[in-house]
Amino acid sequence: MLENKFKDFDEFFSEQEKVDDIKIRLFGKDYYCPGTLPAEVVLKTQSLLKRHDKVMAESDQLEIAMLMIGQNNVEEWCEKGLSMDQLGDIIEWVANQHNQYRTSNGKAQKK
């Protein structure tokens, strides 16, 4: 029988090894985004895919990119002429970095 039904996740997470940010160089400048994927990105992506029958509108892709990479970064890139295809490449690369981290740390999602 479980006697201790309490876990302090604040303490647990603070003791975990810090994950380095992901570095992107674009337009001659270095940008950083979180080394772990924010859960909000996954929730939002799932919601958008369900709503749009597994195809996301460009505005939705922008929203996901802003959550993953940072709104200021994405807006700056767009102002400098980044195309949606290029942004898609960046999103895919960043997502792959997150997946590689999870796989290498034994945290891959079970199917």
Protein backbone atom coordinates (compact mmCIF):
# COMPACT_ATOMS: atom_id res chain seq x y z
CA MET A 1 0.00 0.00 0.00
CA LEU A 2 1.27 3.46 -0.85
CA GLU A 3 1.82 5.47 2.27
CA ASN A 4 3.40 8.56 0.78
CA LYS A 5 1.01 10.06 -1.75
CA PHE A 6 2.88 13.32 -2.07
CA LYS A 7 5.65 14.36 -4.46
CA ASP A 8 7.21 17.82 -4.52
CA PHE A 9 7.71 18.36 -8.24
CA ASP A 10 9.16 21.83 -7.65
CA GLU A 11 12.00 20.16 -5.77
CA PHE A 12 12.22 17.27 -8.23
CA PHE A 13 12.50 19.54 -11.28
CA SER A 14 14.98 21.86 -9.58
CA GLU A 15 17.30 18.88 -9.02
CA GLN A 16 17.22 17.79 -12.65
CA GLU A 17 20.08 18.59 -14.96
CA LYS A 18 19.52 21.84 -16.85
CA VAL A 19 18.99 21.39 -20.56
CA ASP A 20 20.95 23.76 -22.78
CA ASP A 21 19.00 26.13 -24.99
CA ILE A 22 18.91 25.47 -28.71
CA LYS A 23 20.94 27.95 -30.73
CA ILE A 24 19.87 29.13 -34.17
CA ARG A 25 21.86 31.47 -36.39
CA LEU A 26 19.76 33.41 -38.87
CA PHE A 27 20.40 36.68 -40.67
CA GLY A 28 23.86 36.77 -39.08
CA LYS A 29 22.51 36.75 -35.52
CA ASP A 30 22.29 34.02 -32.87
CA TYR A 31 18.89 33.24 -31.35
CA TYR A 32 18.04 30.89 -28.50
CA CYS A 33 14.96 28.87 -27.70
CA PRO A 34 14.24 26.48 -24.83
CA GLY A 35 16.10 23.18 -24.93
CA THR A 36 12.97 21.31 -23.91
CA LEU A 37 9.68 21.55 -25.70
CA PRO A 38 7.07 23.58 -23.84
CA ALA A 39 3.98 21.42 -23.18
CA GLU A 40 1.85 24.28 -24.51
CA VAL A 41 3.29 23.63 -27.98
CA VAL A 42 2.11 20.02 -27.97
CA LEU A 43 -1.35 20.91 -26.65
CA LYS A 44 -1.79 23.70 -29.19
CA THR A 45 -0.52 21.57 -32.08
CA GLN A 46 -2.91 18.73 -31.23
CA SER A 47 -5.83 21.13 -30.98
CA LEU A 48 -5.02 22.77 -34.31
CA LEU A 49 -4.53 19.46 -36.10
CA LYS A 50 -7.90 18.17 -34.87
CA ARG A 51 -9.63 21.40 -35.85
CA HIS A 52 -8.13 21.52 -39.34
CA ASP A 53 -8.22 17.82 -40.23
CA LYS A 54 -4.45 17.30 -39.77
CA VAL A 55 -3.42 20.29 -41.93
CA MET A 56 -2.41 23.56 -40.29
CA ALA A 57 -3.00 26.97 -41.77
CA GLU A 58 0.02 29.26 -42.11
CA SER A 59 -1.28 31.45 -39.29
CA ASP A 60 -1.33 28.37 -37.05
CA GLN A 61 2.23 27.52 -38.04
CA LEU A 62 3.26 31.04 -37.04
CA GLU A 63 1.58 30.59 -33.67
CA ILE A 64 3.38 27.30 -33.05
CA ALA A 65 6.70 28.85 -34.09
CA MET A 66 6.17 31.73 -31.66
CA LEU A 67 5.52 29.28 -28.83
CA MET A 68 8.57 27.17 -29.70
CA ILE A 69 11.06 29.87 -30.60
CA GLY A 70 9.71 33.08 -29.13
CA GLN A 71 7.37 35.68 -30.53
CA ASN A 72 10.00 38.42 -30.77
CA ASN A 73 12.39 36.15 -32.67
CA VAL A 74 9.76 35.02 -35.18
CA GLU A 75 8.48 38.56 -35.73
CA GLU A 76 12.04 39.81 -36.29
CA TRP A 77 12.70 37.07 -38.84
CA CYS A 78 9.46 37.80 -40.68
CA GLU A 79 10.35 41.50 -40.84
CA LYS A 80 13.68 40.51 -42.38
CA GLY A 81 11.96 38.50 -45.12
CA LEU A 82 11.78 34.94 -43.82
CA SER A 83 9.41 32.85 -45.93
CA MET A 84 6.86 30.40 -44.53
CA ASP A 85 8.78 27.54 -46.14
CA GLN A 86 11.93 28.66 -44.36
CA LEU A 87 10.06 29.03 -41.07
CA GLY A 88 8.71 25.50 -41.57
CA ASP A 89 12.29 24.24 -41.97
CA ILE A 90 13.28 25.95 -38.71
CA ILE A 91 10.27 24.55 -36.84
CA GLU A 92 11.06 21.05 -38.11
CA TRP A 93 14.73 21.33 -37.12
CA VAL A 94 13.93 22.64 -33.62
CA ALA A 95 11.33 19.89 -33.13
CA ASN A 96 13.93 17.30 -34.18
CA GLN A 97 16.36 18.70 -31.60
CA HIS A 98 13.71 18.25 -28.91
CA ASN A 99 13.00 14.70 -30.08
CA GLN A 100 16.70 13.81 -30.09
CA TYR A 101 17.05 15.10 -26.53
CA ARG A 102 14.06 13.09 -25.33
CA THR A 103 15.29 9.93 -27.08
CA SER A 104 18.86 10.26 -25.80
CA ASN A 105 17.57 10.73 -22.25
CA GLY A 106 15.19 7.80 -22.29
CA LYS A 107 12.12 10.01 -22.39
CA ALA A 108 10.81 9.04 -25.82
CA GLN A 109 7.06 8.82 -25.99
CA LYS A 110 5.68 5.31 -25.84
CA LYS A 111 3.37 4.33 -28.67
